[in-house]
Amino acid sequence: MKMPEVLEHLPAVGALLGRKPGGQEDVLPKRDPTLTLPDFHAVPLPNSERRLGDGRTLIVHHPAPRAPRGPGLTVMSYNILMGGERQEALLEYFTQLEAQDRMPDVIGMQEAGVPMSVLLASRFGFHLVYQGSDGDNGTRLVNGKAWLSRHPIADAAHFTYVLTDAERNDAIARQGYAGELVEDRGVLWVKLLVEGRPIYLYNLHHALGDSGINALNLRQLNALLRRREGVPAVVLGDFNANTAIKRGGSWLVAHLLHPKQDNDTDTIEEFRQRYGDDMHNVTVGDRGVGNIADPRLRHELHVLEQELPETVCHATAVRVRLADQSLTTPQHARQELGSGQIPKGSPAWWRLQDIADCATLTSHPDSHGVVHATGKRFDNFYATRSLAPVLFEVDRSTESSDHQPVVAHYRFGEGHAPVPPSH
């Protein structure tokens, strides 16, 4: 174990590492105004290019919502890419989910826009919570986030992370260009009533690029979670960090274990050995290992996991849905990779590597039509122990975004429940 990794796991020193990017401890994000509208026709449609909204959180109750599938809570996280840029494929995917009786009862979307959020909610029988800001009138752009829910909505609000000008300017200087760092980030909270019980859900979309700002986002999320007063909670969304990586790891161990391919890629050294440092053929996300190499960011993820364990690590079933609707598992993919029958660097090898690591970020094809593995689980779920995780599924059956939808199913109480059918 490398020295930075040792330090980040020490209770006192780890907290100091985590405090570096943000200054004061337990800075809370700013709660934005919430507006409840009578119906979908009352939703103001922006005229701007991105059509993100005016920064207010909008709540719309569907007049005739479709009944939840139940029992328990089935929820999806999906970054739909620039407000649903691939509209035809996205609508086809939702239609397919409904036809196959696979539609989750709750969907948290990132990179949402007002028109697509209203369309999906009204067409498919969901209540809607939406927030985004086009950055007009001296405000900063906030990429849209939305909740679609067939469970009743009791309350909702968006919390924008607090960032000083000095913190933002320092991050831009470190990165060498502004990029997305000029935007504000936040988390969209909703209180649902599921089988008559209150549940808090948090839908986030964190900063891409600078690890210090991403760690600050996580720290303010953790501060918000500590004030939820014991209510069962689920955190989901696009972390813009490879949440699969837990530790720095050992170069020697990574090289000894690499030929076996029989374990998760959960250390920095294993990632470098399997995917490389440059990854110049990958067109999405951050380059190489990315911002998760920063121990301050990993420390904040450890803090999150102490209170809300990572669903993929504890679910009764973990699986990946393929383009032909067939199902496979990370364990099966690791067995194929370890068989020695799949040439490293071949299209089949890249496909299996992403399945083995439950990667959710999908690169565009290179000049030869090869889709290189990213190995990055940007989209993820964390839930309190009062919610028993039954299923974690990465859905690779749609190409409606450069992220893959991720679905989790929970039951109340302890113990394991039957896995929902695959249909």
Protein backbone atom coordinates (compact mmCIF):
# COMPACT_ATOMS: atom_id res chain seq x y z
CA MET A 1 0.00 0.00 0.00
CA LYS A 2 1.44 3.38 -0.98
CA MET A 3 1.91 6.13 1.61
CA PRO A 4 -0.92 8.42 0.34
CA GLU A 5 -3.25 5.43 0.52
CA VAL A 6 -2.18 4.68 4.09
CA LEU A 7 -2.82 8.30 5.04
CA GLU A 8 -6.28 8.51 3.50
CA HIS A 9 -7.52 5.60 5.64
CA LEU A 10 -6.28 7.05 8.94
CA PRO A 11 -9.27 8.67 10.69
CA ALA A 12 -7.53 11.93 11.61
CA VAL A 13 -5.23 12.35 8.61
CA GLY A 14 -7.85 11.20 6.11
CA ALA A 15 -10.17 13.96 7.23
CA LEU A 16 -7.39 16.51 6.78
CA LEU A 17 -6.76 15.26 3.25
CA GLY A 18 -10.45 15.58 2.51
CA ARG A 19 -10.56 19.12 3.88
CA LYS A 20 -7.91 20.53 1.57
CA PRO A 21 -10.00 21.50 -1.46
CA GLY A 22 -12.86 23.08 0.38
CA GLY A 23 -11.60 25.18 3.27
CA GLN A 24 -14.22 25.06 6.02
CA GLU A 25 -15.60 21.75 7.16
CA ASP A 26 -19.30 20.96 6.70
CA VAL A 27 -20.07 23.76 4.27
CA LEU A 28 -23.67 23.15 3.23
CA PRO A 29 -24.90 23.61 -0.33
CA LYS A 30 -27.41 26.38 -1.04
CA ARG A 31 -31.07 25.40 -1.29
CA ASP A 32 -32.75 26.83 -4.40
CA PRO A 33 -36.41 27.93 -4.68
CA THR A 34 -39.07 25.29 -5.39
CA LEU A 35 -42.27 25.87 -7.38
CA THR A 36 -45.21 23.42 -7.59
CA LEU A 37 -47.17 23.70 -10.84
CA PRO A 38 -50.76 22.54 -11.45
CA ASP A 39 -50.03 20.50 -14.60
CA PHE A 40 -47.51 19.91 -17.37
CA HIS A 41 -48.98 22.67 -19.53
CA ALA A 42 -47.97 25.18 -16.86
CA VAL A 43 -44.27 24.32 -17.11
CA PRO A 44 -42.41 27.32 -18.58
CA LEU A 45 -40.51 26.23 -21.69
CA PRO A 46 -37.18 28.08 -22.09
CA ASN A 47 -36.27 29.68 -25.42
CA SER A 48 -32.52 29.23 -24.89
CA GLU A 49 -30.32 26.84 -26.85
CA ARG A 50 -29.91 24.32 -24.00
CA ARG A 51 -33.45 24.87 -22.61
CA LEU A 52 -32.34 24.14 -19.05
CA GLY A 53 -34.61 26.46 -17.10
CA ASP A 54 -34.36 29.44 -14.75
CA GLY A 55 -32.83 27.74 -11.69
CA ARG A 56 -36.08 27.04 -9.84
CA THR A 57 -36.98 23.47 -8.88
CA LEU A 58 -40.26 22.52 -10.56
CA ILE A 59 -42.67 19.91 -9.16
CA VAL A 60 -45.51 18.61 -11.35
CA HIS A 61 -47.90 15.91 -10.16
CA HIS A 62 -49.19 13.73 -13.00
CA PRO A 63 -53.03 13.77 -13.10
CA ALA A 64 -53.13 10.01 -13.79
CA PRO A 65 -49.81 8.40 -12.83
CA ARG A 66 -49.25 4.79 -13.69
CA ALA A 67 -49.10 2.42 -10.74
CA PRO A 68 -45.67 1.44 -9.35
CA ARG A 69 -44.54 -2.10 -10.15
CA GLY A 70 -43.29 -2.75 -6.62
CA PRO A 71 -42.78 -4.28 -4.20
CA GLY A 72 -39.98 -2.15 -2.82
CA LEU A 73 -38.16 0.47 -4.84
CA THR A 74 -36.86 0.10 -8.39
CA VAL A 75 -34.84 3.11 -9.52
CA MET A 76 -32.72 4.02 -12.55
CA SER A 77 -29.90 6.52 -12.96
CA TYR A 78 -29.36 7.77 -16.49
CA ASN A 79 -27.33 10.61 -17.99
CA ILE A 80 -29.38 11.17 -21.16
CA LEU A 81 -26.74 13.32 -22.94
CA MET A 82 -27.39 16.99 -23.64
CA GLY A 83 -31.09 17.09 -22.85
CA GLY A 84 -31.85 13.90 -24.78
CA GLU A 85 -29.82 14.71 -27.87
CA ARG A 86 -30.47 11.24 -29.36
CA GLN A 87 -34.21 11.76 -28.99
CA GLU A 88 -35.44 8.99 -31.27
CA ALA A 89 -33.28 6.34 -29.61
CA LEU A 90 -34.19 7.61 -26.13
CA LEU A 91 -37.95 7.47 -26.78
CA GLU A 92 -37.57 4.04 -28.33
CA TYR A 93 -35.71 2.87 -25.21
CA PHE A 94 -38.43 4.13 -22.87
CA THR A 95 -41.12 2.56 -25.06
CA GLN A 96 -39.24 -0.73 -24.93
CA LEU A 97 -38.92 -0.56 -21.15
CA GLU A 98 -42.68 -0.10 -20.82
CA ALA A 99 -43.54 -2.82 -23.32
CA GLN A 100 -41.26 -5.33 -21.58
CA ASP A 101 -42.57 -4.42 -18.10
CA ARG A 102 -39.08 -3.23 -17.12
CA MET A 103 -39.84 0.43 -16.55
CA PRO A 104 -38.44 1.51 -13.16
CA ASP A 105 -40.81 3.24 -10.78
CA VAL A 106 -38.29 6.06 -10.27
CA ILE A 107 -35.76 7.49 -12.74
CA GLY A 108 -33.08 10.02 -11.91
CA MET A 109 -31.80 11.76 -15.05
CA GLN A 110 -28.73 13.91 -15.55
CA GLU A 111 -28.03 16.27 -18.47
CA ALA A 112 -31.79 16.65 -18.70
CA GLY A 113 -33.63 19.56 -20.31
CA VAL A 114 -37.12 20.92 -19.72
CA PRO A 115 -38.77 19.67 -22.96
CA MET A 116 -37.54 16.07 -22.76
CA SER A 117 -38.24 15.81 -19.03
CA VAL A 118 -41.82 17.00 -19.52
CA LEU A 119 -42.30 14.71 -22.52
CA LEU A 120 -41.08 11.57 -20.73
CA ALA A 121 -43.01 12.28 -17.53
CA SER A 122 -46.32 13.09 -19.24
CA ARG A 123 -46.14 10.30 -21.82
CA PHE A 124 -45.11 7.50 -19.48
CA GLY A 125 -47.17 8.37 -16.41
CA PHE A 126 -44.63 9.87 -14.00
CA HIS A 127 -44.72 12.72 -11.54
CA LEU A 128 -41.88 15.16 -12.31
CA VAL A 129 -39.25 17.09 -10.38
CA TYR A 130 -36.89 19.17 -12.51
CA GLN A 131 -34.11 21.71 -11.98
CA GLY A 132 -31.65 23.38 -14.32
CA SER A 133 -30.40 26.85 -15.16
CA ASP A 134 -29.39 28.39 -18.46
CA GLY A 135 -27.17 30.83 -16.59
CA ASP A 136 -29.05 33.98 -17.53
CA ASN A 137 -29.15 37.27 -15.60
CA GLY A 138 -25.75 36.92 -14.03
CA THR A 139 -26.25 33.36 -12.76
CA ARG A 140 -24.16 30.32 -13.69
CA LEU A 141 -25.27 27.44 -15.87
CA VAL A 142 -26.46 24.35 -13.98
CA ASN A 143 -26.94 21.26 -16.11
CA GLY A 144 -30.46 19.88 -15.84
CA LYS A 145 -31.42 17.05 -13.49
CA ALA A 146 -34.83 15.42 -13.19
CA TRP A 147 -36.77 12.88 -11.17
CA LEU A 148 -39.52 10.83 -12.79
CA SER A 149 -41.54 8.99 -10.14
CA ARG A 150 -44.64 6.81 -10.02
CA HIS A 151 -44.49 6.96 -6.24
CA PRO A 152 -46.06 10.06 -4.61
CA ILE A 153 -43.78 13.08 -4.21
CA ALA A 154 -43.95 14.67 -0.76
CA ASP A 155 -41.25 17.33 -1.19
CA ALA A 156 -38.28 18.25 -3.38
CA ALA A 157 -35.50 20.81 -3.68
CA HIS A 158 -32.25 21.43 -5.52
CA PHE A 159 -29.08 22.19 -3.58
CA THR A 160 -26.32 24.06 -5.43
CA TYR A 161 -22.80 23.43 -4.15
CA VAL A 162 -21.06 26.49 -2.75
CA LEU A 163 -17.83 27.42 -4.55
CA THR A 164 -15.82 30.57 -3.99
CA ASP A 165 -14.33 32.53 -6.88
CA ALA A 166 -10.86 31.72 -5.56
CA GLU A 167 -11.58 27.95 -5.53
CA ARG A 168 -12.99 28.08 -9.04
CA ASN A 169 -10.13 30.21 -10.43
CA ASP A 170 -7.51 27.96 -8.82
CA ALA A 171 -9.14 24.90 -10.40
CA ILE A 172 -9.23 26.56 -13.84
CA ALA A 173 -5.55 27.45 -13.46
CA ARG A 174 -4.69 23.84 -12.53
CA GLN A 175 -6.65 22.51 -15.50
CA GLY A 176 -5.29 25.09 -17.92
CA TYR A 177 -8.69 25.99 -19.37
CA ALA A 178 -12.17 26.74 -18.04
CA GLY A 179 -14.21 23.96 -19.64
CA GLU A 180 -17.14 22.89 -17.44
CA LEU A 181 -15.60 24.48 -14.35
CA VAL A 182 -17.49 27.71 -15.08
CA GLU A 183 -20.72 25.83 -14.36
CA ASP A 184 -22.26 25.27 -10.94
CA ARG A 185 -23.02 21.75 -9.75
CA GLY A 186 -25.52 20.38 -7.27
CA VAL A 187 -27.85 17.61 -6.14
CA LEU A 188 -31.60 17.27 -6.71
CA TRP A 189 -33.31 15.90 -3.59
CA VAL A 190 -36.77 14.36 -3.47
CA LYS A 191 -38.83 12.90 -0.64
CA LEU A 192 -40.97 10.02 -1.90
CA LEU A 193 -43.58 7.90 -0.19
CA VAL A 194 -42.86 4.27 -1.10
CA GLU A 195 -45.37 1.79 0.28
CA GLY A 196 -46.34 4.56 2.69
CA ARG A 197 -42.78 5.04 3.96
CA PRO A 198 -40.68 8.18 3.42
CA ILE A 199 -37.47 7.78 1.42
CA TYR A 200 -34.97 10.47 0.48
CA LEU A 201 -33.33 10.24 -2.94
CA TYR A 202 -30.42 12.40 -4.10
CA ASN A 203 -29.69 12.82 -7.82
CA LEU A 204 -26.26 14.33 -8.46
CA HIS A 205 -24.11 15.46 -11.38
CA HIS A 206 -20.62 16.35 -10.17
CA ALA A 207 -17.75 18.34 -11.68
CA LEU A 208 -15.66 16.81 -14.44
CA GLY A 209 -11.96 17.50 -14.65
CA ASP A 210 -10.57 18.96 -11.45
CA SER A 211 -10.32 16.44 -8.62
CA GLY A 212 -10.34 19.14 -5.94
CA ILE A 213 -13.69 20.54 -7.08
CA ASN A 214 -15.15 17.04 -7.43
CA ALA A 215 -14.02 16.26 -3.86
CA LEU A 216 -15.61 19.51 -2.68
CA ASN A 217 -18.89 18.48 -4.36
CA LEU A 218 -18.80 15.16 -2.52
CA ARG A 219 -17.95 16.79 0.81
CA GLN A 220 -20.99 19.07 0.63
CA LEU A 221 -23.16 16.12 -0.37
CA ASN A 222 -21.91 14.20 2.70
CA ALA A 223 -22.68 17.21 4.89
CA LEU A 224 -26.22 17.30 3.50
CA LEU A 225 -26.68 13.57 4.09
CA ARG A 226 -25.65 13.91 7.74
CA ARG A 227 -28.68 16.17 8.28
CA ARG A 228 -31.33 13.80 6.96
CA GLU A 229 -32.21 12.57 10.52
CA GLY A 230 -32.15 8.84 9.86
CA VAL A 231 -34.55 8.71 6.91
CA PRO A 232 -33.69 5.84 4.50
CA ALA A 233 -31.83 7.27 1.53
CA VAL A 234 -30.49 6.47 -1.93
CA VAL A 235 -27.75 8.49 -3.63
CA LEU A 236 -27.36 8.08 -7.37
CA GLY A 237 -26.16 9.92 -10.44
CA ASP A 238 -23.17 10.85 -12.54
CA PHE A 239 -20.21 11.26 -10.19
CA ASN A 240 -17.84 12.15 -13.07
CA ALA A 241 -15.26 10.05 -11.22
CA ASN A 242 -14.50 6.36 -11.51
CA THR A 243 -16.23 5.18 -8.34
CA ALA A 244 -15.02 1.61 -8.96
CA ILE A 245 -11.51 2.60 -7.78
CA LYS A 246 -11.13 2.26 -4.01
CA ARG A 247 -7.36 2.35 -3.35
CA GLY A 248 -4.02 3.21 -4.84
CA GLY A 249 -2.93 -0.41 -4.77
CA SER A 250 0.40 -2.05 -5.40
CA TRP A 251 2.24 -2.13 -8.73
CA LEU A 252 3.57 -5.60 -7.92
CA VAL A 253 0.19 -7.05 -6.95
CA ALA A 254 -1.47 -5.55 -10.02
CA HIS A 255 1.09 -7.15 -12.31
CA LEU A 256 0.89 -10.50 -10.55
CA LEU A 257 -2.91 -10.57 -10.67
CA HIS A 258 -3.28 -9.11 -14.16
CA PRO A 259 -2.89 -12.40 -16.10
CA LYS A 260 -5.68 -13.95 -14.02
CA GLN A 261 -8.27 -11.19 -14.66
CA ASP A 262 -10.27 -12.79 -11.84
CA ASN A 263 -10.78 -9.73 -9.65
CA ASP A 264 -12.43 -6.33 -9.85
CA THR A 265 -10.39 -3.43 -11.15
CA ASP A 266 -10.61 -1.50 -7.89
CA THR A 267 -7.11 -0.04 -7.51
CA ILE A 268 -5.26 2.60 -9.50
CA GLU A 269 -2.43 0.21 -10.34
CA GLU A 270 -4.83 -2.46 -11.64
CA PHE A 271 -6.56 0.13 -13.81
CA ARG A 272 -3.26 1.29 -15.30
CA GLN A 273 -2.19 -2.27 -15.99
CA ARG A 274 -5.45 -3.25 -17.68
CA TYR A 275 -6.47 -0.07 -19.48
CA GLY A 276 -3.23 1.89 -19.82
CA ASP A 277 -2.30 5.41 -18.77
CA ASP A 278 -3.04 7.31 -21.96
CA MET A 279 -6.29 5.79 -23.27
CA HIS A 280 -6.08 8.13 -26.28
CA ASN A 281 -8.76 6.12 -28.11
CA VAL A 282 -11.34 6.85 -25.40
CA THR A 283 -13.43 9.88 -26.35
CA VAL A 284 -15.40 10.47 -23.14
CA GLY A 285 -14.67 11.20 -19.49
CA ASP A 286 -11.27 12.08 -18.09
CA ARG A 287 -7.96 10.77 -19.46
CA GLY A 288 -6.31 7.68 -18.01
CA VAL A 289 -7.02 6.89 -14.36
CA GLY A 290 -8.54 10.34 -14.04
CA ASN A 291 -9.44 12.38 -10.99
CA ILE A 292 -9.98 9.33 -8.79
CA ALA A 293 -6.18 9.16 -8.44
CA ASP A 294 -6.51 12.03 -5.94
CA PRO A 295 -6.68 10.57 -2.38
CA ARG A 296 -8.84 13.51 -1.26
CA LEU A 297 -11.58 12.42 -3.65
CA ARG A 298 -11.30 8.76 -2.62
CA HIS A 299 -11.52 9.83 1.02
CA GLU A 300 -14.86 11.56 0.41
CA LEU A 301 -16.16 8.44 -1.34
CA HIS A 302 -15.08 6.37 1.69
CA VAL A 303 -17.03 8.77 3.92
CA LEU A 304 -20.12 8.32 1.72
CA GLU A 305 -19.80 4.52 1.77
CA GLN A 306 -19.56 4.36 5.55
CA GLU A 307 -23.12 5.65 5.83
CA LEU A 308 -24.55 4.48 2.48
CA PRO A 309 -22.83 1.29 1.24
CA GLU A 310 -22.22 0.94 -2.50
CA THR A 311 -25.10 -1.09 -3.96
CA VAL A 312 -23.05 -3.04 -6.51
CA CYS A 313 -20.91 -4.51 -3.71
CA HIS A 314 -23.88 -5.86 -1.72
CA ALA A 315 -26.66 -6.64 -4.20
CA THR A 316 -28.03 -10.17 -4.37
CA ALA A 317 -27.60 -10.11 -8.15
CA VAL A 318 -25.24 -8.02 -10.29
CA ARG A 319 -25.71 -8.30 -14.02
CA VAL A 320 -25.26 -6.58 -17.37
CA ARG A 321 -27.91 -6.46 -20.08
CA LEU A 322 -26.48 -6.71 -23.60
CA ALA A 323 -27.65 -5.24 -26.90
CA ASP A 324 -29.68 -8.36 -27.75
CA GLN A 325 -31.43 -8.21 -24.33
CA SER A 326 -29.52 -11.24 -23.06
CA LEU A 327 -28.04 -11.06 -19.56
CA THR A 328 -24.52 -11.76 -18.39
CA THR A 329 -22.54 -11.10 -15.23
CA PRO A 330 -19.20 -9.48 -14.36
CA GLN A 331 -18.08 -12.82 -12.94
CA HIS A 332 -18.72 -14.57 -16.26
CA ALA A 333 -16.84 -11.84 -18.14
CA ARG A 334 -13.85 -12.22 -15.79
CA GLN A 335 -13.87 -15.95 -16.40
CA GLU A 336 -13.74 -15.39 -20.16
CA LEU A 337 -10.94 -12.83 -19.81
CA GLY A 338 -8.98 -15.22 -17.60
CA SER A 339 -9.38 -18.13 -20.01
CA GLY A 340 -6.61 -16.82 -22.25
CA GLN A 341 -8.82 -17.34 -25.32
CA ILE A 342 -9.60 -13.65 -25.90
CA PRO A 343 -6.70 -11.66 -27.43
CA LYS A 344 -5.93 -8.56 -25.39
CA GLY A 345 -6.90 -5.38 -27.20
CA SER A 346 -9.44 -7.11 -29.47
CA PRO A 347 -13.01 -5.76 -29.68
CA ALA A 348 -14.22 -8.78 -27.71
CA TRP A 349 -11.60 -8.14 -25.02
CA TRP A 350 -12.61 -4.49 -24.65
CA ARG A 351 -16.30 -5.45 -24.45
CA LEU A 352 -15.65 -8.07 -21.75
CA GLN A 353 -13.43 -5.71 -19.76
CA ASP A 354 -16.19 -3.10 -19.49
CA ILE A 355 -18.69 -5.80 -18.47
CA ALA A 356 -16.29 -7.21 -15.87
CA ASP A 357 -15.93 -3.79 -14.23
CA CYS A 358 -19.60 -2.71 -14.59
CA ALA A 359 -18.41 0.32 -16.55
CA THR A 360 -21.13 2.83 -17.39
CA LEU A 361 -19.27 5.24 -19.68
CA THR A 362 -19.19 4.32 -23.37
CA SER A 363 -16.62 5.69 -25.81
CA HIS A 364 -17.35 6.45 -29.45
CA PRO A 365 -15.89 4.04 -32.06
CA ASP A 366 -12.36 4.78 -33.27
CA SER A 367 -11.38 5.14 -36.95
CA HIS A 368 -11.52 1.34 -37.30
CA GLY A 369 -14.95 1.04 -35.72
CA VAL A 370 -13.61 -0.38 -32.45
CA VAL A 371 -15.31 0.79 -29.24
CA HIS A 372 -12.56 0.88 -26.63
CA ALA A 373 -13.34 0.09 -23.01
CA THR A 374 -13.39 2.98 -20.57
CA GLY A 375 -13.41 0.89 -17.39
CA LYS A 376 -15.15 3.77 -15.65
CA ARG A 377 -18.18 3.50 -13.39
CA PHE A 378 -19.18 7.17 -13.40
CA ASP A 379 -22.84 6.29 -12.72
CA ASN A 380 -23.53 4.55 -9.43
CA PHE A 381 -25.83 3.89 -6.46
CA TYR A 382 -25.36 4.11 -2.69
CA ALA A 383 -28.11 3.29 -0.18
CA THR A 384 -28.63 3.12 3.57
CA ARG A 385 -28.55 -0.30 5.22
CA SER A 386 -32.29 -0.17 5.88
CA LEU A 387 -32.75 -0.76 2.13
CA ALA A 388 -31.71 -4.28 1.14
CA PRO A 389 -30.19 -4.23 -2.39
CA VAL A 390 -31.64 -7.00 -4.52
CA LEU A 391 -30.36 -6.04 -7.98
CA PHE A 392 -27.73 -3.88 -9.67
CA GLU A 393 -27.91 -3.87 -13.48
CA VAL A 394 -25.98 -1.98 -16.13
CA ASP A 395 -28.17 -1.80 -19.23
CA ARG A 396 -26.10 -1.87 -22.43
CA SER A 397 -29.12 -2.52 -24.67
CA THR A 398 -29.48 1.14 -25.69
CA GLU A 399 -27.23 3.60 -27.52
CA SER A 400 -29.30 6.66 -26.62
CA SER A 401 -26.39 8.26 -24.69
CA ASP A 402 -22.66 7.97 -24.02
CA HIS A 403 -23.63 6.72 -20.55
CA GLN A 404 -25.41 3.45 -19.87
CA PRO A 405 -28.54 3.35 -17.71
CA VAL A 406 -28.05 1.69 -14.33
CA VAL A 407 -30.93 0.09 -12.43
CA ALA A 408 -31.12 -0.87 -8.75
CA HIS A 409 -33.88 -2.64 -6.85
CA TYR A 410 -34.30 -2.44 -3.06
CA ARG A 411 -36.56 -4.01 -0.48
CA PHE A 412 -37.28 -2.67 2.99
CA GLY A 413 -35.67 -4.40 5.93
CA GLU A 414 -32.93 -6.97 6.26
CA GLY A 415 -32.31 -10.14 4.32
CA HIS A 416 -32.38 -11.03 0.66
CA ALA A 417 -35.38 -10.94 -1.62
CA PRO A 418 -35.98 -12.68 -4.94
CA VAL A 419 -34.36 -11.03 -7.96
CA PRO A 420 -36.93 -9.37 -10.27
CA PRO A 421 -37.49 -11.35 -13.48
CA SER A 422 -35.51 -10.35 -16.55
CA HIS A 423 -38.53 -10.38 -18.90
